[in-house]
Amino acid sequence: MDMDYEENIVAEGTEEFVVDADKQAKFMESSKERMNKICIQLAYLEKIATKRSVDYTPDNIEKMFAYMEERLASCKKAFMARFEEPEKTSVFDFDF
C-alpha cells in the first residue's frame, strides 16, 4: 500500500481512498499496539504445545483454532464493511 501523506490518498490496487492523515496515524498507532499484544498472546499459546505437563487431542486443537479463525474473520469483516457498497433497499419493497 503506497501512501502519499501530502495528498492523504492511499492507493490500493486500482482503487484510491482519501484518508485523514491524523486519523490514519491514530489507527496505525492503536492497531500496532493491539496487534503486538495479540502476537505476544499467540506466542504464549504456542508454548503450551511443547509442555509435557498438558495433554490435548486433535479435536481440542481443531475447536480452538476454528474458534480463533471465526473471530478473526468477524474482525476482518467489521473493518472491511467500510469499503463495501451498502445494499440498496427500496422504500417500497412490498412483495408476496
C-alpha atoms as a PDB file:
ATOM      1  CA  MET A   1       0.000   0.000   0.000  1.00  0.00           C
ATOM      2  CA  ASP A   2       1.551   3.303  -1.070  1.00  0.00           C
ATOM      3  CA  MET A   3       0.812   6.397   0.982  1.00  0.00           C
ATOM      4  CA  ASP A   4       1.143   9.956  -0.232  1.00  0.00           C
ATOM      5  CA  TYR A   5       0.855  11.878   3.037  1.00  0.00           C
ATOM      6  CA  GLU A   6       0.643  15.304   1.418  1.00  0.00           C
ATOM      7  CA  GLU A   7      -2.494  14.462  -0.524  1.00  0.00           C
ATOM      8  CA  ASN A   8      -3.803  11.939   2.016  1.00  0.00           C
ATOM      9  CA  ILE A   9      -4.555   9.400  -0.713  1.00  0.00           C
ATOM     10  CA  VAL A  10      -3.965   5.705  -0.208  1.00  0.00           C
ATOM     11  CA  ALA A  11      -3.550   3.728  -3.418  1.00  0.00           C
ATOM     12  CA  GLU A  12      -4.592   0.109  -3.092  1.00  0.00           C
ATOM     13  CA  GLY A  13      -4.639  -1.889  -6.300  1.00  0.00           C
ATOM     14  CA  THR A  14      -6.644   0.161  -8.771  1.00  0.00           C
ATOM     15  CA  GLU A  15      -8.756   1.882  -6.121  1.00  0.00           C
ATOM     16  CA  GLU A  16      -7.837   5.017  -4.205  1.00  0.00           C
ATOM     17  CA  PHE A  17      -9.187   6.052  -0.831  1.00  0.00           C
ATOM     18  CA  VAL A  18      -8.957   9.538   0.636  1.00  0.00           C
ATOM     19  CA  VAL A  19      -7.926   9.332   4.268  1.00  0.00           C
ATOM     20  CA  ASP A  20      -7.452  11.803   7.082  1.00  0.00           C
ATOM     21  CA  ALA A  21      -3.741  11.664   7.942  1.00  0.00           C
ATOM     22  CA  ASP A  22      -4.310  12.290  11.665  1.00  0.00           C
ATOM     23  CA  LYS A  23      -6.978   9.600  11.913  1.00  0.00           C
ATOM     24  CA  GLN A  24      -4.827   7.154   9.979  1.00  0.00           C
ATOM     25  CA  ALA A  25      -1.856   7.833  12.259  1.00  0.00           C
ATOM     26  CA  LYS A  26      -4.094   7.194  15.280  1.00  0.00           C
ATOM     27  CA  PHE A  27      -5.328   3.956  13.676  1.00  0.00           C
ATOM     28  CA  MET A  28      -1.777   2.833  12.930  1.00  0.00           C
ATOM     29  CA  GLU A  29      -0.662   3.548  16.491  1.00  0.00           C
ATOM     30  CA  SER A  30      -3.554   1.829  18.259  1.00  0.00           C
ATOM     31  CA  SER A  31      -3.765  -1.130  15.870  1.00  0.00           C
ATOM     32  CA  LYS A  32       0.001  -1.715  16.037  1.00  0.00           C
ATOM     33  CA  GLU A  33      -0.164  -1.805  19.828  1.00  0.00           C
ATOM     34  CA  ARG A  34      -3.097  -4.223  19.823  1.00  0.00           C
ATOM     35  CA  MET A  35      -1.554  -6.432  17.134  1.00  0.00           C
ATOM     36  CA  ASN A  36       1.628  -6.698  19.189  1.00  0.00           C
ATOM     37  CA  LYS A  37      -0.416  -7.749  22.243  1.00  0.00           C
ATOM     38  CA  ILE A  38      -2.226 -10.392  20.172  1.00  0.00           C
ATOM     39  CA  CYS A  39       1.053 -11.746  18.783  1.00  0.00           C
ATOM     40  CA  ILE A  40       2.521 -11.965  22.287  1.00  0.00           C
ATOM     41  CA  GLN A  41      -0.524 -13.917  23.470  1.00  0.00           C
ATOM     42  CA  LEU A  42      -0.252 -16.244  20.461  1.00  0.00           C
ATOM     43  CA  ALA A  43       3.390 -16.892  21.348  1.00  0.00           C
ATOM     44  CA  TYR A  44       2.293 -17.806  24.895  1.00  0.00           C
ATOM     45  CA  LEU A  45      -0.344 -20.125  23.465  1.00  0.00           C
ATOM     46  CA  GLU A  46       2.207 -21.765  21.175  1.00  0.00           C
ATOM     47  CA  LYS A  47       4.443 -22.543  24.164  1.00  0.00           C
ATOM     48  CA  ILE A  48       1.697 -24.779  25.581  1.00  0.00           C
ATOM     49  CA  ALA A  49       2.220 -27.160  22.636  1.00  0.00           C
ATOM     50  CA  THR A  50       5.696 -28.082  23.902  1.00  0.00           C
ATOM     51  CA  LYS A  51       4.800 -28.529  27.571  1.00  0.00           C
ATOM     52  CA  ARG A  52       4.824 -32.061  28.887  1.00  0.00           C
ATOM     53  CA  SER A  53       2.523 -31.157  31.775  1.00  0.00           C
ATOM     54  CA  VAL A  54      -0.511 -30.776  29.486  1.00  0.00           C
ATOM     55  CA  ASP A  55      -2.331 -33.205  27.250  1.00  0.00           C
ATOM     56  CA  TYR A  56      -4.719 -32.494  24.393  1.00  0.00           C
ATOM     57  CA  THR A  57      -6.402 -34.150  21.440  1.00  0.00           C
ATOM     58  CA  PRO A  58      -6.543 -33.165  17.772  1.00  0.00           C
ATOM     59  CA  ASP A  59     -10.216 -32.339  18.378  1.00  0.00           C
ATOM     60  CA  ASN A  60      -9.220 -29.865  21.119  1.00  0.00           C
ATOM     61  CA  ILE A  61      -6.860 -28.151  18.704  1.00  0.00           C
ATOM     62  CA  GLU A  62      -9.393 -28.075  15.851  1.00  0.00           C
ATOM     63  CA  LYS A  63     -12.020 -26.496  18.114  1.00  0.00           C
ATOM     64  CA  MET A  64      -9.566 -23.941  19.463  1.00  0.00           C
ATOM     65  CA  PHE A  65      -8.335 -22.842  16.047  1.00  0.00           C
ATOM     66  CA  ALA A  66     -11.798 -22.936  14.457  1.00  0.00           C
ATOM     67  CA  TYR A  67     -12.940 -20.503  17.148  1.00  0.00           C
ATOM     68  CA  MET A  68      -9.961 -18.205  16.558  1.00  0.00           C
ATOM     69  CA  GLU A  69     -10.466 -18.300  12.778  1.00  0.00           C
ATOM     70  CA  GLU A  70     -14.145 -17.426  13.252  1.00  0.00           C
ATOM     71  CA  ARG A  71     -13.271 -14.466  15.494  1.00  0.00           C
ATOM     72  CA  LEU A  72     -10.571 -13.321  13.063  1.00  0.00           C
ATOM     73  CA  ALA A  73     -12.988 -13.464  10.108  1.00  0.00           C
ATOM     74  CA  SER A  74     -15.558 -11.500  12.107  1.00  0.00           C
ATOM     75  CA  CYS A  75     -12.973  -8.852  12.967  1.00  0.00           C
ATOM     76  CA  LYS A  76     -11.850  -8.528   9.341  1.00  0.00           C
ATOM     77  CA  LYS A  77     -15.466  -8.258   8.189  1.00  0.00           C
ATOM     78  CA  ALA A  78     -16.024  -5.392  10.631  1.00  0.00           C
ATOM     79  CA  PHE A  79     -13.055  -3.498   9.170  1.00  0.00           C
ATOM     80  CA  MET A  80     -13.923  -4.240   5.539  1.00  0.00           C
ATOM     81  CA  ALA A  81     -17.575  -3.174   5.958  1.00  0.00           C
ATOM     82  CA  ARG A  82     -16.444   0.424   5.492  1.00  0.00           C
ATOM     83  CA  PHE A  83     -15.392  -0.310   1.911  1.00  0.00           C
ATOM     84  CA  GLU A  84     -18.427  -2.305   0.800  1.00  0.00           C
ATOM     85  CA  GLU A  85     -21.316  -0.783  -1.047  1.00  0.00           C
ATOM     86  CA  PRO A  86     -24.409  -0.650   1.145  1.00  0.00           C
ATOM     87  CA  GLU A  87     -27.303  -2.743  -0.071  1.00  0.00           C
ATOM     88  CA  LYS A  88     -29.822  -0.588  -1.847  1.00  0.00           C
ATOM     89  CA  THR A  89     -33.237  -1.042  -0.369  1.00  0.00           C
ATOM     90  CA  SER A  90     -36.330   0.465  -1.797  1.00  0.00           C
ATOM     91  CA  VAL A  91     -38.724   2.354   0.405  1.00  0.00           C
ATOM     92  CA  PHE A  92     -41.425   0.431  -1.415  1.00  0.00           C
ATOM     93  CA  ASP A  93     -40.398  -3.188  -1.141  1.00  0.00           C
ATOM     94  CA  PHE A  94     -43.775  -4.917  -0.933  1.00  0.00           C
ATOM     95  CA  ASP A  95     -43.691  -8.486  -2.164  1.00  0.00           C
ATOM     96  CA  PHE A  96     -45.864 -11.632  -1.883  1.00  0.00           C
END
